[in-house]
Protein backbone atom coordinates (compact mmCIF):
# COMPACT_ATOMS: atom_id res chain seq x y z
CA MET A 1 70.88 99.36 73.95
CA SER A 2 69.55 96.78 77.12
CA LYS A 3 71.74 94.22 78.04
CA HIS A 4 69.03 92.56 79.65
CA THR A 5 68.48 88.72 78.28
CA ALA A 6 65.11 86.98 77.91
CA SER A 7 64.17 84.81 80.23
CA ARG A 8 62.81 81.12 79.53
CA GLU A 9 59.29 82.22 80.60
CA SER A 10 58.98 84.76 77.86
CA GLU A 11 59.82 82.31 75.21
CA VAL A 12 57.15 80.19 76.07
CA SER A 13 55.45 79.34 72.82
CA LEU A 14 51.47 79.61 72.61
CA ALA A 15 50.91 76.31 72.35
CA GLU A 16 52.69 75.89 75.67
CA LEU A 17 50.80 78.25 77.29
CA ARG A 18 47.32 76.87 75.54
CA GLY A 19 48.29 73.64 76.98
CA ASP A 20 49.02 75.03 80.51
CA CYS A 21 45.94 77.15 80.70
CA ALA A 22 44.23 73.77 79.10
CA ARG A 23 45.58 71.81 82.36
CA MET A 24 44.57 74.77 84.88
CA ALA A 25 41.24 75.06 83.45
CA PRO A 26 39.61 72.33 85.38
CA HIS A 27 40.78 74.01 88.82
CA TRP A 28 38.76 77.31 88.35
CA ALA A 29 35.44 77.47 89.84
CA VAL A 30 32.99 79.48 87.98
CA PRO A 31 30.36 81.08 90.28
CA ALA A 32 26.71 80.52 89.40
CA LYS A 33 25.36 84.12 87.36
CA SER A 34 22.93 85.32 89.25
CA ALA A 35 20.76 88.35 87.76
CA PRO A 36 21.01 91.35 89.66
CA ALA A 37 17.78 92.70 91.29
CA ARG A 38 15.71 95.39 89.10
CA VAL A 39 15.29 98.70 90.23
CA GLU A 40 12.08 100.42 89.58
CA PRO A 41 12.81 103.90 87.49
CA ALA A 42 10.88 105.71 90.30
CA LEU A 43 12.90 104.89 92.80
CA ILE A 44 16.27 106.46 90.78
CA HIS A 45 16.98 110.02 91.63
CA GLY A 46 19.76 112.00 91.91
CA VAL A 47 21.49 111.19 88.85
CA THR A 48 23.43 113.97 87.39
CA VAL A 49 25.46 113.38 84.07
CA PRO A 50 28.16 116.11 83.13
CA PRO A 51 27.26 118.01 80.23
CA ALA A 52 30.41 116.83 77.76
CA SER A 53 28.88 113.39 78.39
CA ALA A 54 25.29 114.46 77.55
CA ARG A 55 26.61 116.09 74.43
CA LEU A 56 28.76 112.77 73.13
CA ILE A 57 25.64 110.54 74.05
CA ASP A 58 23.41 112.97 71.82
CA ALA A 59 25.69 113.11 69.24
CA MET A 60 25.90 108.84 69.16
CA SER A 61 22.79 109.49 67.49
CA GLU A 62 24.23 110.32 63.86
CA TYR A 63 26.08 107.08 64.05
CA GLY A 64 23.26 104.64 64.30
CA ASP A 65 20.99 106.08 62.20
């Protein structure tokens, strides 16, 4: 049995945590989203897929059909 006692920080209620997050949210800057540049399929080469991964992906159609 552990003799460690919980600190006040571990006793914070969910409501207190949500309140803290709400007060901090205005300070967080959200970067603008930018779409990644499209790569032409002809430029993609040298991609190898391990046989185990290929079998896994191949078997997934059984679940989606």
